């Protein structure tokens, strides 16, 4: 039996079982002093990926402990209808940054 709070999927193929699991909580943010990790909250089905600080972040809503932003600014976010930040799927979804980080050190951006 799997522990509570762990999502798991079992796939059986050709007699081989593969178990994958992910933690229920966000990864620990280890951003440098004065910086924060990024959390993305997708509030629309029209956006499947975003480009932030030159990196393509894929939906669904998630935290990104290896993507850091400095301070409390509002970095440029480009939104895309495709799942891999394809230029031909660029759109203009509304982007709102949360003004303060959460207790885990994440600055959240919501995409509408």
PDB file of N, CA and C in Angstrom:
ATOM      1  N   UNK A   1       0.847  -1.180   0.000  1.00  0.00           N
ATOM      2  CA  UNK A   1       0.000   0.000   0.000  1.00  0.00           C
ATOM      3  C   UNK A   1       0.886   1.234   0.000  1.00  0.00           C
ATOM      4  N   UNK A   2       0.472   2.252  -0.762  1.00  0.00           N
ATOM      5  CA  UNK A   2       1.237   3.497  -0.856  1.00  0.00           C
ATOM      6  C   UNK A   2       0.887   4.419   0.292  1.00  0.00           C
ATOM      7  N   UNK A   3       1.866   5.207   0.784  1.00  0.00           N
ATOM      8  CA  UNK A   3       1.586   6.155   1.858  1.00  0.00           C
ATOM      9  C   UNK A   3       0.594   7.222   1.396  1.00  0.00           C
ATOM     10  N   UNK A   4      -0.128   7.789   2.356  1.00  0.00           N
ATOM     11  CA  UNK A   4      -1.064   8.869   2.062  1.00  0.00           C
ATOM     12  C   UNK A   4      -0.283  10.062   1.521  1.00  0.00           C
ATOM     13  N   UNK A   5      -0.825  10.761   0.522  1.00  0.00           N
ATOM     14  CA  UNK A   5      -0.166  11.940  -0.029  1.00  0.00           C
ATOM     15  C   UNK A   5       0.781  11.638  -1.163  1.00  0.00           C
ATOM     16  N   UNK A   6       0.844  10.401  -1.589  1.00  0.00           N
ATOM     17  CA  UNK A   6       1.732  10.053  -2.695  1.00  0.00           C
ATOM     18  C   UNK A   6       0.873   9.618  -3.877  1.00  0.00           C
ATOM     19  N   UNK A   7       1.081  10.301  -4.993  1.00  0.00           N
ATOM     20  CA  UNK A   7       0.358   9.922  -6.220  1.00  0.00           C
ATOM     21  C   UNK A   7       1.183   8.862  -6.925  1.00  0.00           C
ATOM     22  N   UNK A   8       0.534   7.841  -7.397  1.00  0.00           N
ATOM     23  CA  UNK A   8       1.279   6.775  -8.063  1.00  0.00           C
ATOM     24  C   UNK A   8       0.500   6.237  -9.244  1.00  0.00           C
ATOM     25  N   UNK A   9       1.238   5.745 -10.191  1.00  0.00           N
ATOM     26  CA  UNK A   9       0.631   5.112 -11.357  1.00  0.00           C
ATOM     27  C   UNK A   9       1.416   3.865 -11.679  1.00  0.00           C
ATOM     28  N   UNK A  10       0.718   2.791 -11.923  1.00  0.00           N
ATOM     29  CA  UNK A  10       1.381   1.547 -12.272  1.00  0.00           C
ATOM     30  C   UNK A  10       1.037   1.220 -13.719  1.00  0.00           C
ATOM     31  N   UNK A  11       2.069   0.990 -14.501  1.00  0.00           N
ATOM     32  CA  UNK A  11       1.886   0.666 -15.906  1.00  0.00           C
ATOM     33  C   UNK A  11       2.493  -0.703 -16.145  1.00  0.00           C
ATOM     34  N   UNK A  12       1.713  -1.603 -16.707  1.00  0.00           N
ATOM     35  CA  UNK A  12       2.227  -2.935 -16.991  1.00  0.00           C
ATOM     36  C   UNK A  12       2.317  -3.106 -18.501  1.00  0.00           C
ATOM     37  N   UNK A  13       3.481  -3.521 -18.951  1.00  0.00           N
ATOM     38  CA  UNK A  13       3.674  -3.717 -20.381  1.00  0.00           C
ATOM     39  C   UNK A  13       4.649  -4.871 -20.567  1.00  0.00           C
ATOM     40  N   UNK A  14       4.260  -5.834 -21.320  1.00  0.00           N
ATOM     41  CA  UNK A  14       5.104  -6.997 -21.620  1.00  0.00           C
ATOM     42  C   UNK A  14       5.614  -7.661 -20.350  1.00  0.00           C
ATOM     43  N   UNK A  15       4.759  -7.732 -19.333  1.00  0.00           N
ATOM     44  CA  UNK A  15       5.145  -8.411 -18.105  1.00  0.00           C
ATOM     45  C   UNK A  15       6.044  -7.599 -17.192  1.00  0.00           C
ATOM     46  N   UNK A  16       6.275  -6.321 -17.503  1.00  0.00           N
ATOM     47  CA  UNK A  16       7.132  -5.466 -16.670  1.00  0.00           C
ATOM     48  C   UNK A  16       6.263  -4.408 -16.015  1.00  0.00           C
ATOM     49  N   UNK A  17       6.399  -4.228 -14.714  1.00  0.00           N
ATOM     50  CA  UNK A  17       5.652  -3.204 -13.990  1.00  0.00           C
ATOM     51  C   UNK A  17       6.574  -2.024 -13.710  1.00  0.00           C
ATOM     52  N   UNK A  18       6.055  -0.836 -13.941  1.00  0.00           N
ATOM     53  CA  UNK A  18       6.811   0.386 -13.699  1.00  0.00           C
ATOM     54  C   UNK A  18       6.020   1.218 -12.715  1.00  0.00           C
ATOM     55  N   UNK A  19       6.635   1.611 -11.604  1.00  0.00           N
ATOM     56  CA  UNK A  19       5.978   2.407 -10.591  1.00  0.00           C
ATOM     57  C   UNK A  19       6.594   3.790 -10.579  1.00  0.00           C
ATOM     58  N   UNK A  20       5.751   4.816 -10.718  1.00  0.00           N
ATOM     59  CA  UNK A  20       6.235   6.190 -10.619  1.00  0.00           C
ATOM     60  C   UNK A  20       5.466   6.882  -9.518  1.00  0.00           C
ATOM     61  N   UNK A  21       6.143   7.733  -8.778  1.00  0.00           N
ATOM     62  CA  UNK A  21       5.488   8.438  -7.678  1.00  0.00           C
ATOM     63  C   UNK A  21       6.003   9.871  -7.621  1.00  0.00           C
ATOM     64  N   UNK A  22       5.166  10.752  -7.107  1.00  0.00           N
ATOM     65  CA  UNK A  22       5.590  12.130  -6.909  1.00  0.00           C
ATOM     66  C   UNK A  22       5.124  12.584  -5.536  1.00  0.00           C
ATOM     67  N   UNK A  23       5.899  13.422  -4.869  1.00  0.00           N
ATOM     68  CA  UNK A  23       5.540  13.855  -3.524  1.00  0.00           C
ATOM     69  C   UNK A  23       4.335  14.782  -3.558  1.00  0.00           C
ATOM     70  N   UNK A  24       3.602  14.823  -2.460  1.00  0.00           N
ATOM     71  CA  UNK A  24       2.433  15.679  -2.375  1.00  0.00           C
ATOM     72  C   UNK A  24       2.832  17.135  -2.157  1.00  0.00           C
ATOM     73  N   UNK A  25       4.007  17.388  -1.619  1.00  0.00           N
ATOM     74  CA  UNK A  25       4.454  18.753  -1.327  1.00  0.00           C
ATOM     75  C   UNK A  25       5.450  19.228  -2.377  1.00  0.00           C
ATOM     76  N   UNK A  26       5.594  20.551  -2.478  1.00  0.00           N
ATOM     77  CA  UNK A  26       6.537  21.149  -3.421  1.00  0.00           C
ATOM     78  C   UNK A  26       7.971  20.849  -3.007  1.00  0.00           C
ATOM     79  N   UNK A  27       8.857  20.807  -4.000  1.00  0.00           N
ATOM     80  CA  UNK A  27      10.276  20.616  -3.716  1.00  0.00           C
ATOM     81  C   UNK A  27      10.792  21.811  -2.927  1.00  0.00           C
ATOM     82  N   UNK A  28      11.804  21.598  -2.130  1.00  0.00           N
ATOM     83  CA  UNK A  28      12.378  22.673  -1.332  1.00  0.00           C
ATOM     84  C   UNK A  28      13.026  23.714  -2.225  1.00  0.00           C
ATOM     85  N   UNK A  29      12.716  24.976  -1.956  1.00  0.00           N
ATOM     86  CA  UNK A  29      13.304  26.080  -2.715  1.00  0.00           C
ATOM     87  C   UNK A  29      14.652  26.424  -2.114  1.00  0.00           C
ATOM     88  N   UNK A  30      15.678  26.405  -2.942  1.00  0.00           N
ATOM     89  CA  UNK A  30      17.024  26.751  -2.488  1.00  0.00           C
ATOM     90  C   UNK A  30      17.584  27.877  -3.343  1.00  0.00           C
ATOM     91  N   UNK A  31      16.772  28.920  -3.524  1.00  0.00           N
ATOM     92  CA  UNK A  31      17.193  30.074  -4.316  1.00  0.00           C
ATOM     93  C   UNK A  31      18.240  30.877  -3.540  1.00  0.00           C
ATOM     94  N   UNK A  32      19.146  31.547  -4.260  1.00  0.00           N
ATOM     95  CA  UNK A  32      20.141  32.403  -3.591  1.00  0.00           C
ATOM     96  C   UNK A  32      19.453  33.525  -2.811  1.00  0.00           C
ATOM     97  N   UNK A  33      20.151  34.117  -1.874  1.00  0.00           N
ATOM     98  CA  UNK A  33      19.611  35.224  -1.074  1.00  0.00           C
ATOM     99  C   UNK A  33      19.080  36.322  -1.985  1.00  0.00           C
ATOM    100  N   UNK A  34      17.896  36.824  -1.667  1.00  0.00           N
ATOM    101  CA  UNK A  34      17.282  37.883  -2.458  1.00  0.00           C
ATOM    102  C   UNK A  34      16.528  37.392  -3.678  1.00  0.00           C
ATOM    103  N   UNK A  35      16.504  36.075  -3.887  1.00  0.00           N
ATOM    104  CA  UNK A  35      15.799  35.477  -5.026  1.00  0.00           C
ATOM    105  C   UNK A  35      14.757  34.492  -4.511  1.00  0.00           C
ATOM    106  N   UNK A  36      13.845  34.129  -5.410  1.00  0.00           N
ATOM    107  CA  UNK A  36      12.776  33.202  -5.060  1.00  0.00           C
ATOM    108  C   UNK A  36      12.588  32.181  -6.168  1.00  0.00           C
ATOM    109  N   UNK A  37      12.104  31.001  -5.782  1.00  0.00           N
ATOM    110  CA  UNK A  37      11.724  30.002  -6.768  1.00  0.00           C
ATOM    111  C   UNK A  37      10.359  30.402  -7.336  1.00  0.00           C
ATOM    112  N   UNK A  38       9.962  29.751  -8.420  1.00  0.00           N
ATOM    113  CA  UNK A  38       8.738  30.135  -9.119  1.00  0.00           C
ATOM    114  C   UNK A  38       7.676  29.045  -8.991  1.00  0.00           C
ATOM    115  N   UNK A  39       6.453  29.494  -8.734  1.00  0.00           N
ATOM    116  CA  UNK A  39       5.286  28.629  -8.781  1.00  0.00           C
ATOM    117  C   UNK A  39       4.358  29.178  -9.848  1.00  0.00           C
ATOM    118  N   UNK A  40       3.778  28.305 -10.664  1.00  0.00           N
ATOM    119  CA  UNK A  40       2.888  28.740 -11.746  1.00  0.00           C
ATOM    120  C   UNK A  40       1.507  28.137 -11.515  1.00  0.00           C
ATOM    121  N   UNK A  41       0.493  28.986 -11.581  1.00  0.00           N
ATOM    122  CA  UNK A  41      -0.883  28.574 -11.389  1.00  0.00           C
ATOM    123  C   UNK A  41      -1.660  28.872 -12.673  1.00  0.00           C
ATOM    124  N   UNK A  42      -1.968  27.842 -13.450  1.00  0.00           N
ATOM    125  CA  UNK A  42      -2.701  28.004 -14.709  1.00  0.00           C
ATOM    126  C   UNK A  42      -4.196  28.069 -14.410  1.00  0.00           C
ATOM    127  N   UNK A  43      -4.840  29.185 -14.745  1.00  0.00           N
ATOM    128  CA  UNK A  43      -6.265  29.376 -14.521  1.00  0.00           C
ATOM    129  C   UNK A  43      -7.046  29.375 -15.836  1.00  0.00           C
ATOM    130  N   UNK A  44      -6.422  28.954 -16.914  1.00  0.00           N
ATOM    131  CA  UNK A  44      -7.054  28.905 -18.223  1.00  0.00           C
ATOM    132  C   UNK A  44      -6.598  27.663 -18.967  1.00  0.00           C
ATOM    133  N   UNK A  45      -7.456  27.164 -19.810  1.00  0.00           N
ATOM    134  CA  UNK A  45      -7.075  26.009 -20.629  1.00  0.00           C
ATOM    135  C   UNK A  45      -6.410  26.453 -21.928  1.00  0.00           C
ATOM    136  N   UNK A  46      -6.355  27.766 -22.173  1.00  0.00           N
ATOM    137  CA  UNK A  46      -5.757  28.289 -23.405  1.00  0.00           C
ATOM    138  C   UNK A  46      -4.239  28.397 -23.339  1.00  0.00           C
ATOM    139  N   UNK A  47      -3.660  28.189 -22.163  1.00  0.00           N
ATOM    140  CA  UNK A  47      -2.210  28.268 -22.005  1.00  0.00           C
ATOM    141  C   UNK A  47      -1.702  26.926 -21.500  1.00  0.00           C
ATOM    142  N   UNK A  48      -0.732  26.364 -22.223  1.00  0.00           N
ATOM    143  CA  UNK A  48      -0.164  25.055 -21.861  1.00  0.00           C
ATOM    144  C   UNK A  48       1.295  25.167 -21.426  1.00  0.00           C
ATOM    145  N   UNK A  49       1.946  26.315 -21.748  1.00  0.00           N
ATOM    146  CA  UNK A  49       3.344  26.517 -21.356  1.00  0.00           C
ATOM    147  C   UNK A  49       3.614  28.015 -21.305  1.00  0.00           C
ATOM    148  N   UNK A  50       4.664  28.389 -20.543  1.00  0.00           N
ATOM    149  CA  UNK A  50       5.073  29.790 -20.465  1.00  0.00           C
ATOM    150  C   UNK A  50       6.591  29.877 -20.601  1.00  0.00           C
ATOM    151  N   UNK A  51       7.059  31.032 -21.031  1.00  0.00           N
ATOM    152  CA  UNK A  51       8.498  31.297 -21.078  1.00  0.00           C
ATOM    153  C   UNK A  51       8.788  32.370 -20.038  1.00  0.00           C
ATOM    154  N   UNK A  52       9.702  32.048 -19.119  1.00  0.00           N
ATOM    155  CA  UNK A  52      10.072  32.934 -18.026  1.00  0.00           C
ATOM    156  C   UNK A  52      11.586  32.886 -17.852  1.00  0.00           C
ATOM    157  N   UNK A  53      12.221  34.046 -17.870  1.00  0.00           N
ATOM    158  CA  UNK A  53      13.676  34.113 -17.704  1.00  0.00           C
ATOM    159  C   UNK A  53      14.387  33.197 -18.710  1.00  0.00           C
ATOM    160  N   UNK A  54      13.837  33.133 -19.925  1.00  0.00           N
ATOM    161  CA  UNK A  54      14.457  32.348 -20.984  1.00  0.00           C
ATOM    162  C   UNK A  54      14.199  30.855 -20.921  1.00  0.00           C
ATOM    163  N   UNK A  55      13.424  30.407 -19.946  1.00  0.00           N
ATOM    164  CA  UNK A  55      13.146  28.971 -19.802  1.00  0.00           C
ATOM    165  C   UNK A  55      11.697  28.676 -20.091  1.00  0.00           C
ATOM    166  N   UNK A  56      11.458  27.572 -20.742  1.00  0.00           N
ATOM    167  CA  UNK A  56      10.106  27.133 -21.051  1.00  0.00           C
ATOM    168  C   UNK A  56       9.613  26.271 -19.884  1.00  0.00           C
ATOM    169  N   UNK A  57       8.531  26.702 -19.262  1.00  0.00           N
ATOM    170  CA  UNK A  57       7.934  25.962 -18.156  1.00  0.00           C
ATOM    171  C   UNK A  57       6.616  25.378 -18.636  1.00  0.00           C
ATOM    172  N   UNK A  58       6.461  24.086 -18.474  1.00  0.00           N
ATOM    173  CA  UNK A  58       5.293  23.382 -18.989  1.00  0.00           C
ATOM    174  C   UNK A  58       4.226  23.240 -17.916  1.00  0.00           C
ATOM    175  N   UNK A  59       2.945  23.339 -18.349  1.00  0.00           N
ATOM    176  CA  UNK A  59       1.831  23.116 -17.441  1.00  0.00           C
ATOM    177  C   UNK A  59       1.734  21.640 -17.110  1.00  0.00           C
ATOM    178  N   UNK A  60       0.923  21.253 -16.195  1.00  0.00           N
ATOM    179  CA  UNK A  60      -0.056  22.032 -15.459  1.00  0.00           C
ATOM    180  C   UNK A  60       0.572  22.811 -14.318  1.00  0.00           C
ATOM    181  N   UNK A  61      -0.274  23.424 -13.481  1.00  0.00           N
ATOM    182  CA  UNK A  61       0.209  24.213 -12.342  1.00  0.00           C
ATOM    183  C   UNK A  61       1.226  23.408 -11.554  1.00  0.00           C
ATOM    184  N   UNK A  62       2.320  24.099 -11.165  1.00  0.00           N
ATOM    185  CA  UNK A  62       3.408  23.389 -10.507  1.00  0.00           C
ATOM    186  C   UNK A  62       4.394  24.385  -9.914  1.00  0.00           C
ATOM    187  N   UNK A  63       5.310  23.877  -9.098  1.00  0.00           N
ATOM    188  CA  UNK A  63       6.423  24.680  -8.602  1.00  0.00           C
ATOM    189  C   UNK A  63       7.676  24.304  -9.382  1.00  0.00           C
ATOM    190  N   UNK A  64       8.594  25.264  -9.479  1.00  0.00           N
ATOM    191  CA  UNK A  64       9.838  25.064 -10.222  1.00  0.00           C
ATOM    192  C   UNK A  64      10.997  25.520  -9.332  1.00  0.00           C
ATOM    193  N   UNK A  65      11.568  24.577  -8.595  1.00  0.00           N
ATOM    194  CA  UNK A  65      12.611  24.915  -7.617  1.00  0.00           C
ATOM    195  C   UNK A  65      13.934  25.300  -8.262  1.00  0.00           C
ATOM    196  N   UNK A  66      14.108  25.031  -9.555  1.00  0.00           N
ATOM    197  CA  UNK A  66      15.368  25.377 -10.222  1.00  0.00           C
ATOM    198  C   UNK A  66      15.259  26.649 -11.058  1.00  0.00           C
ATOM    199  N   UNK A  67      14.092  27.299 -11.042  1.00  0.00           N
ATOM    200  CA  UNK A  67      13.904  28.556 -11.760  1.00  0.00           C
ATOM    201  C   UNK A  67      13.801  29.657 -10.709  1.00  0.00           C
ATOM    202  N   UNK A  68      14.730  30.616 -10.756  1.00  0.00           N
ATOM    203  CA  UNK A  68      14.793  31.660  -9.736  1.00  0.00           C
ATOM    204  C   UNK A  68      14.560  33.041 -10.339  1.00  0.00           C
ATOM    205  N   UNK A  69      13.846  33.870  -9.597  1.00  0.00           N
ATOM    206  CA  UNK A  69      13.669  35.263  -9.981  1.00  0.00           C
ATOM    207  C   UNK A  69      14.191  36.129  -8.843  1.00  0.00           C
ATOM    208  N   UNK A  70      14.698  37.289  -9.191  1.00  0.00           N
ATOM    209  CA  UNK A  70      15.304  38.179  -8.195  1.00  0.00           C
ATOM    210  C   UNK A  70      14.251  39.138  -7.656  1.00  0.00           C
ATOM    211  N   UNK A  71      14.187  39.244  -6.338  1.00  0.00           N
ATOM    212  CA  UNK A  71      13.357  40.236  -5.678  1.00  0.00           C
ATOM    213  C   UNK A  71      11.880  40.149  -5.976  1.00  0.00           C
ATOM    214  N   UNK A  72      11.256  41.339  -5.913  1.00  0.00           N
ATOM    215  CA  UNK A  72       9.794  41.407  -6.020  1.00  0.00           C
ATOM    216  C   UNK A  72       9.313  42.007  -7.333  1.00  0.00           C
ATOM    217  N   UNK A  73      10.182  42.057  -8.339  1.00  0.00           N
ATOM    218  CA  UNK A  73       9.780  42.565  -9.641  1.00  0.00           C
ATOM    219  C   UNK A  73       8.757  41.658 -10.304  1.00  0.00           C
ATOM    220  N   UNK A  74       8.360  42.052 -11.474  1.00  0.00           N
ATOM    221  CA  UNK A  74       7.417  41.255 -12.266  1.00  0.00           C
ATOM    222  C   UNK A  74       8.088  40.903 -13.585  1.00  0.00           C
ATOM    223  N   UNK A  75       8.865  39.824 -13.587  1.00  0.00           N
ATOM    224  CA  UNK A  75       9.573  39.423 -14.810  1.00  0.00           C
ATOM    225  C   UNK A  75       8.607  39.178 -15.960  1.00  0.00           C
ATOM    226  N   UNK A  76       9.101  39.397 -17.163  1.00  0.00           N
ATOM    227  CA  UNK A  76       8.311  39.178 -18.368  1.00  0.00           C
ATOM    228  C   UNK A  76       7.951  37.703 -18.497  1.00  0.00           C
ATOM    229  N   UNK A  77       6.689  37.444 -18.765  1.00  0.00           N
ATOM    230  CA  UNK A  77       6.195  36.089 -18.978  1.00  0.00           C
ATOM    231  C   UNK A  77       5.512  36.065 -20.336  1.00  0.00           C
ATOM    232  N   UNK A  78       5.923  35.143 -21.186  1.00  0.00           N
ATOM    233  CA  UNK A  78       5.263  34.940 -22.467  1.00  0.00           C
ATOM    234  C   UNK A  78       4.442  33.666 -22.360  1.00  0.00           C
ATOM    235  N   UNK A  79       3.218  33.706 -22.878  1.00  0.00           N
ATOM    236  CA  UNK A  79       2.307  32.565 -22.760  1.00  0.00           C
ATOM    237  C   UNK A  79       2.092  31.904 -24.117  1.00  0.00           C
ATOM    238  N   UNK A  80       1.875  30.594 -24.074  1.00  0.00           N
ATOM    239  CA  UNK A  80       1.744  29.801 -25.303  1.00  0.00           C
ATOM    240  C   UNK A  80       0.615  28.790 -25.175  1.00  0.00           C
ATOM    241  N   UNK A  81      -0.100  28.583 -26.261  1.00  0.00           N
ATOM    242  CA  UNK A  81      -1.148  27.567 -26.304  1.00  0.00           C
ATOM    243  C   UNK A  81      -0.586  26.168 -26.497  1.00  0.00           C
ATOM    244  N   UNK A  82       0.626  26.078 -27.035  1.00  0.00           N
ATOM    245  CA  UNK A  82       1.280  24.782 -27.238  1.00  0.00           C
ATOM    246  C   UNK A  82       2.004  24.332 -25.982  1.00  0.00           C
ATOM    247  N   UNK A  83       2.383  23.073 -25.948  1.00  0.00           N
ATOM    248  CA  UNK A  83       2.986  22.497 -24.749  1.00  0.00           C
ATOM    249  C   UNK A  83       4.498  22.675 -24.650  1.00  0.00           C
ATOM    250  N   UNK A  84       5.114  23.323 -25.651  1.00  0.00           N
ATOM    251  CA  UNK A  84       6.575  23.451 -25.631  1.00  0.00           C
ATOM    252  C   UNK A  84       7.037  24.862 -26.005  1.00  0.00           C
ATOM    253  N   UNK A  85       6.239  25.869 -25.684  1.00  0.00           N
ATOM    254  CA  UNK A  85       6.592  27.273 -25.976  1.00  0.00           C
ATOM    255  C   UNK A  85       6.876  27.499 -27.457  1.00  0.00           C
ATOM    256  N   UNK A  86       6.107  26.846 -28.333  1.00  0.00           N
ATOM    257  CA  UNK A  86       6.303  27.013 -29.772  1.00  0.00           C
ATOM    258  C   UNK A  86       5.880  28.415 -30.185  1.00  0.00           C
ATOM    259  N   UNK A  87       6.707  29.088 -30.979  1.00  0.00           N
ATOM    260  CA  UNK A  87       6.432  30.473 -31.351  1.00  0.00           C
ATOM    261  C   UNK A  87       5.110  30.628 -32.085  1.00  0.00           C
ATOM    262  N   UNK A  88       4.693  29.623 -32.843  1.00  0.00           N
ATOM    263  CA  UNK A  88       3.439  29.738 -33.579  1.00  0.00           C
ATOM    264  C   UNK A  88       2.206  29.577 -32.686  1.00  0.00           C
ATOM    265  N   UNK A  89       2.406  29.311 -31.378  1.00  0.00           N
ATOM    266  CA  UNK A  89       1.272  29.193 -30.462  1.00  0.00           C
ATOM    267  C   UNK A  89       1.268  30.314 -29.427  1.00  0.00           C
ATOM    268  N   UNK A  90       2.113  31.342 -29.633  1.00  0.00           N
ATOM    269  CA  UNK A  90       2.196  32.464 -28.691  1.00  0.00           C
ATOM    270  C   UNK A  90       0.830  33.135 -28.573  1.00  0.00           C
ATOM    271  N   UNK A  91       0.417  33.444 -27.351  1.00  0.00           N
ATOM    272  CA  UNK A  91      -0.840  34.165 -27.149  1.00  0.00           C
ATOM    273  C   UNK A  91      -0.624  35.256 -26.092  1.00  0.00           C
ATOM    274  N   UNK A  92      -1.660  35.956 -25.753  1.00  0.00           N
ATOM    275  CA  UNK A  92      -1.532  37.088 -24.830  1.00  0.00           C
ATOM    276  C   UNK A  92      -2.424  36.905 -23.616  1.00  0.00           C
ATOM    277  N   UNK A  93      -2.207  35.860 -22.874  1.00  0.00           N
ATOM    278  CA  UNK A  93      -2.993  35.615 -21.671  1.00  0.00           C
ATOM    279  C   UNK A  93      -2.608  36.625 -20.593  1.00  0.00           C
ATOM    280  N   UNK A  94      -3.523  36.880 -19.684  1.00  0.00           N
ATOM    281  CA  UNK A  94      -3.274  37.796 -18.570  1.00  0.00           C
ATOM    282  C   UNK A  94      -2.381  37.113 -17.547  1.00  0.00           C
ATOM    283  N   UNK A  95      -1.393  37.858 -17.042  1.00  0.00           N
ATOM    284  CA  UNK A  95      -0.408  37.328 -16.098  1.00  0.00           C
ATOM    285  C   UNK A  95      -0.425  38.198 -14.842  1.00  0.00           C
ATOM    286  N   UNK A  96      -0.579  37.571 -13.685  1.00  0.00           N
ATOM    287  CA  UNK A  96      -0.584  38.312 -12.428  1.00  0.00           C
ATOM    288  C   UNK A  96       0.403  37.664 -11.454  1.00  0.00           C
ATOM    289  N   UNK A  97       1.363  38.457 -10.981  1.00  0.00           N
ATOM    290  CA  UNK A  97       2.341  37.989  -9.996  1.00  0.00           C
ATOM    291  C   UNK A  97       1.816  38.228  -8.588  1.00  0.00           C
ATOM    292  N   UNK A  98       1.958  37.249  -7.729  1.00  0.00           N
ATOM    293  CA  UNK A  98       1.655  37.432  -6.305  1.00  0.00           C
ATOM    294  C   UNK A  98       2.751  38.345  -5.742  1.00  0.00           C
ATOM    295  N   UNK A  99       2.385  39.293  -4.914  1.00  0.00           N
ATOM    296  CA  UNK A  99       3.342  40.304  -4.470  1.00  0.00           C
ATOM    297  C   UNK A  99       4.388  39.786  -3.490  1.00  0.00           C
ATOM    298  N   UNK A 100       4.075  38.760  -2.732  1.00  0.00           N
ATOM    299  CA  UNK A 100       5.027  38.248  -1.734  1.00  0.00           C
ATOM    300  C   UNK A 100       5.189  36.738  -1.909  1.00  0.00           C
ATOM    301  N   UNK A 101       6.340  36.217  -1.517  1.00  0.00           N
ATOM    302  CA  UNK A 101       6.539  34.760  -1.612  1.00  0.00           C
ATOM    303  C   UNK A 101       5.716  34.031  -0.556  1.00  0.00           C
ATOM    304  N   UNK A 102       5.461  32.735  -0.818  1.00  0.00           N
ATOM    305  CA  UNK A 102       4.787  31.928   0.189  1.00  0.00           C
ATOM    306  C   UNK A 102       5.807  31.474   1.238  1.00  0.00           C
ATOM    307  N   UNK A 103       5.372  30.710   2.202  1.00  0.00           N
ATOM    308  CA  UNK A 103       6.261  30.292   3.297  1.00  0.00           C
ATOM    309  C   UNK A 103       7.374  29.364   2.829  1.00  0.00           C
ATOM    310  N   UNK A 104       7.232  28.776   1.638  1.00  0.00           N
ATOM    311  CA  UNK A 104       8.261  27.885   1.105  1.00  0.00           C
ATOM    312  C   UNK A 104       9.285  28.587   0.234  1.00  0.00           C
ATOM    313  N   UNK A 105       9.150  29.923   0.070  1.00  0.00           N
ATOM    314  CA  UNK A 105      10.100  30.664  -0.737  1.00  0.00           C
ATOM    315  C   UNK A 105       9.744  30.730  -2.217  1.00  0.00           C
ATOM    316  N   UNK A 106       8.480  30.483  -2.564  1.00  0.00           N
ATOM    317  CA  UNK A 106       8.029  30.522  -3.963  1.00  0.00           C
ATOM    318  C   UNK A 106       7.257  31.809  -4.239  1.00  0.00           C
ATOM    319  N   UNK A 107       7.576  32.489  -5.354  1.00  0.00           N
ATOM    320  CA  UNK A 107       6.771  33.582  -5.878  1.00  0.00           C
ATOM    321  C   UNK A 107       5.846  32.961  -6.909  1.00  0.00           C
ATOM    322  N   UNK A 108       4.560  33.164  -6.763  1.00  0.00           N
ATOM    323  CA  UNK A 108       3.582  32.561  -7.651  1.00  0.00           C
ATOM    324  C   UNK A 108       3.116  33.527  -8.717  1.00  0.00           C
ATOM    325  N   UNK A 109       2.954  32.996  -9.917  1.00  0.00           N
ATOM    326  CA  UNK A 109       2.391  33.741 -11.037  1.00  0.00           C
ATOM    327  C   UNK A 109       1.146  32.973 -11.497  1.00  0.00           C
ATOM    328  N   UNK A 110       0.060  33.722 -11.655  1.00  0.00           N
ATOM    329  CA  UNK A 110      -1.182  33.114 -12.138  1.00  0.00           C
ATOM    330  C   UNK A 110      -1.409  33.535 -13.591  1.00  0.00           C
ATOM    331  N   UNK A 111      -1.830  32.579 -14.391  1.00  0.00           N
ATOM    332  CA  UNK A 111      -2.067  32.790 -15.820  1.00  0.00           C
ATOM    333  C   UNK A 111      -3.570  32.670 -16.065  1.00  0.00           C
ATOM    334  N   UNK A 112      -4.170  33.747 -16.604  1.00  0.00           N
ATOM    335  CA  UNK A 112      -5.625  33.775 -16.854  1.00  0.00           C
ATOM    336  C   UNK A 112      -5.917  33.879 -18.330  1.00  0.00           C
TER     337      UNK A 112
END
